[in-house]
Amino acid sequence: MELMLALILVYAIAILLLSVVAFRGPTIGDQVLAIDVITYASLVLMTLITIYLKQPLLMTVVIPLALWVYALDIYIAKYLERGDLGA
């Protein structure tokens, strides 16, 4: 169990450090990438907490959120490349 708590702490610290890059990143690409990594690290953190608490019902939040973040990544990449979100 100590290993699980250590992993939770590592991911929490990583999210905090990435938030600095997200707010002060040198380019918009770096900021978008940092936000993307924050969201996926948050999903991993939520999964670790779910395993630690032995509450599988919490995974019902993680799976749709992961799919939503993936779709959002596609739209942001399209916007940064073309400048529009049209079909």
Protein backbone atom coordinates (compact mmCIF):
# COMPACT_ATOMS: atom_id res chain seq x y z
CA MET A 1 0.00 0.00 0.00
CA GLU A 2 2.92 2.35 0.55
CA LEU A 3 3.85 1.98 -3.11
CA MET A 4 0.34 3.01 -4.16
CA LEU A 5 0.46 6.09 -1.94
CA ALA A 6 3.89 6.96 -3.34
CA LEU A 7 2.55 6.72 -6.89
CA ILE A 8 -0.41 8.91 -6.01
CA LEU A 9 1.96 11.49 -4.54
CA VAL A 10 4.25 11.39 -7.58
CA TYR A 11 1.36 11.97 -9.98
CA ALA A 12 0.00 14.79 -7.82
CA ILE A 13 3.39 16.53 -7.81
CA ALA A 14 3.75 16.02 -11.57
CA ILE A 15 0.37 17.64 -12.14
CA LEU A 16 1.40 20.63 -10.03
CA LEU A 17 4.68 21.03 -11.94
CA LEU A 18 2.94 20.71 -15.29
CA SER A 19 0.49 23.42 -14.30
CA VAL A 20 3.41 25.86 -14.19
CA VAL A 21 4.27 24.98 -17.78
CA ALA A 22 0.61 25.26 -18.76
CA PHE A 23 0.39 28.83 -17.45
CA ARG A 24 3.86 30.07 -18.36
CA GLY A 25 4.79 27.94 -21.36
CA PRO A 26 6.97 29.60 -23.98
CA THR A 27 4.63 28.78 -26.87
CA ILE A 28 0.97 27.91 -27.29
CA GLY A 29 2.00 24.43 -28.40
CA ASP A 30 3.84 23.85 -25.13
CA GLN A 31 0.85 25.06 -23.16
CA VAL A 32 -1.56 22.81 -25.05
CA LEU A 33 0.74 19.82 -24.60
CA ALA A 34 1.10 20.55 -20.87
CA ILE A 35 -2.68 20.75 -20.45
CA ASP A 36 -3.05 17.50 -22.36
CA VAL A 37 -0.51 15.74 -20.14
CA ILE A 38 -2.20 17.20 -17.05
CA THR A 39 -5.53 15.74 -18.07
CA TYR A 40 -4.13 12.29 -18.79
CA ALA A 41 -2.05 12.34 -15.59
CA SER A 42 -5.23 13.29 -13.72
CA LEU A 43 -6.97 10.29 -15.24
CA VAL A 44 -4.13 8.03 -14.10
CA LEU A 45 -4.28 9.65 -10.66
CA MET A 46 -8.02 9.02 -10.48
CA THR A 47 -7.43 5.41 -11.51
CA LEU A 48 -4.78 4.94 -8.81
CA ILE A 49 -7.10 6.42 -6.20
CA THR A 50 -9.86 4.09 -7.41
CA ILE A 51 -7.58 1.09 -6.99
CA TYR A 52 -6.36 2.29 -3.58
CA LEU A 53 -9.90 2.83 -2.28
CA LYS A 54 -11.15 -0.39 -3.93
CA GLN A 55 -14.15 1.44 -5.40
CA PRO A 56 -14.59 0.30 -9.03
CA LEU A 57 -17.62 2.55 -9.42
CA LEU A 58 -15.26 5.53 -9.65
CA MET A 59 -13.95 4.18 -12.97
CA THR A 60 -17.26 5.18 -14.56
CA VAL A 61 -15.98 8.74 -14.38
CA VAL A 62 -12.52 8.02 -15.77
CA ILE A 63 -13.49 6.23 -18.98
CA PRO A 64 -15.88 8.85 -20.44
CA LEU A 65 -13.51 11.63 -19.38
CA ALA A 66 -10.65 9.95 -21.25
CA LEU A 67 -12.76 9.71 -24.40
CA TRP A 68 -13.83 13.34 -24.07
CA VAL A 69 -10.22 14.52 -23.65
CA TYR A 70 -9.18 12.55 -26.74
CA ALA A 71 -11.91 14.20 -28.83
CA LEU A 72 -10.92 17.59 -27.45
CA ASP A 73 -7.29 16.96 -28.45
CA ILE A 74 -8.37 16.36 -32.02
CA TYR A 75 -10.37 19.59 -32.14
CA ILE A 76 -7.57 21.65 -30.61
CA ALA A 77 -5.02 20.21 -33.05
CA LYS A 78 -7.35 21.00 -35.93
CA TYR A 79 -7.84 24.55 -34.69
CA LEU A 80 -4.11 25.15 -34.23
CA GLU A 81 -3.36 23.77 -37.69
CA ARG A 82 -6.14 25.37 -39.73
CA GLY A 83 -7.50 28.13 -37.54
CA ASP A 84 -11.11 26.96 -37.73
CA LEU A 85 -13.29 24.24 -36.27
CA GLY A 86 -15.56 23.72 -39.26
CA ALA A 87 -16.41 20.36 -40.73
